């Protein structure tokens, strides 16, 4: 091989290196946390404030095994590959080529021709179209990453809400069972007194009816528990028996969050909501739409392509090569390019509206969640006071009924009132916890993820 042939091959291999550089992956930076000091009370691992090991384990398993989250991670992987495709389009296409030909002529008879070498084709991005497509793919990758983060935050909240609903049903079941047992004892005493003729049938029928009304809440609470168990099994992509084992290790009641957090939450700035993953995803899609519009506009300009072919014929060391250049300028395409620009412009307008809608949705959800959290504490305090008074009222009614100063009707009214208040009391307590979870979801608080989408494993 002579020096000229060597030079041709070196140049073509150097261009191949450029192509590899154009498609090289770059790390995707994780946005820095934008939580202001006023929100320091909101821990990224907010579920630990409930001091419930069962809840912590459920969330950990959901982040590892949830099918929707795993699917979202695959979408990130797909978009990363699409990004590499768009970046690779900026470099040349290089292929090994080989040709074989056989012919017959009148003078020499049959002849065989062999050729092998490298073939290069390269579109020079003079209009910026390929760079715009690469930028659009970059933005779509970042948007898919934000979609993953948003789904992850939503999953943690859904697991916590379902778990808290299970514990609420468990408490409702305990209240109904305990109250039913007490009322059955009253019914037993009433039947004895009815047999003795000291109470009327009306009193007996009243207490019997009240027992049935109270115990009718038992199957409702049990069904709510079953629903929550199966929902957790779905979220964890596991069998409900494993969920039952986890639930059995936890307390029936969870610790309430810190009431002092309300003052800090009232200072949440609007800027923090721009860092919500769903808002960031909408922003990235707006960026992608803008890059897509730029690519559509660039289609109006000429495309310049370079081609090169270098190699050797069989049986000789003399290189054969060729260089070509092509210029393609659209002239008349029946309005195809103009229609593409208009469609891209409409997509950008849609993306802008979607971004504004996502930001307004974030503001609405956060403001509503903060207000509901504050009102929930007030409701809880009222029911705590009511439960204390209702408990004393039941004790007084029973004592006075024993000595005959009040009728059974007063006892039943006191029992029914206490039963309703206790059910509302545990519901109010659960509502505080549920709204605490909702606060973290709406603000977008969660533990940080690794710096690249593919490194994120959901833990």
Foldseek 3Di string as FASTA:
>chain_A
DDPVQVVVQVVVVVLVVVLVVQLDDDFFFDDDAPDDPLQPLCAQVNVCLQVKVLLVVLLLLLLQAFPVLVVLLVVLVVLSVVLSVLSSLQGKDKDKDKDWDWDQDDPPGIDIWIWIFMKIKHWHPPLCLSVLLSLLSVLLSLLSLLVSLLVSLVLSLVSLLLLLQLLLLVLLLVLLVVLLVVLVVVLVVVVVVVVVVNDDVVLNVVSVVLSVVSCVCNVVSVVSNVVSLVVSCNSSVHDSVVSVVSSVPTDSGTDFHDPVSLVSLVPDDLVLLCPRSNLSSLVSNLSSLVSQLSSLVSLQAKIKMKIKIWTDMPPDPDMDMDIDMDIDHDDDDPCPSVVSNVVSVVSSVVSVVSSVVSSVVLVVLQVVLSVQLNVLVVQLVVLVVVLVVLVVQLVVVVVCVVVPNDDSVSNSVSSVSNSVSSSVNSVSSSSNVSSSSSNCSSSSRHDDADGHSSRGSSD
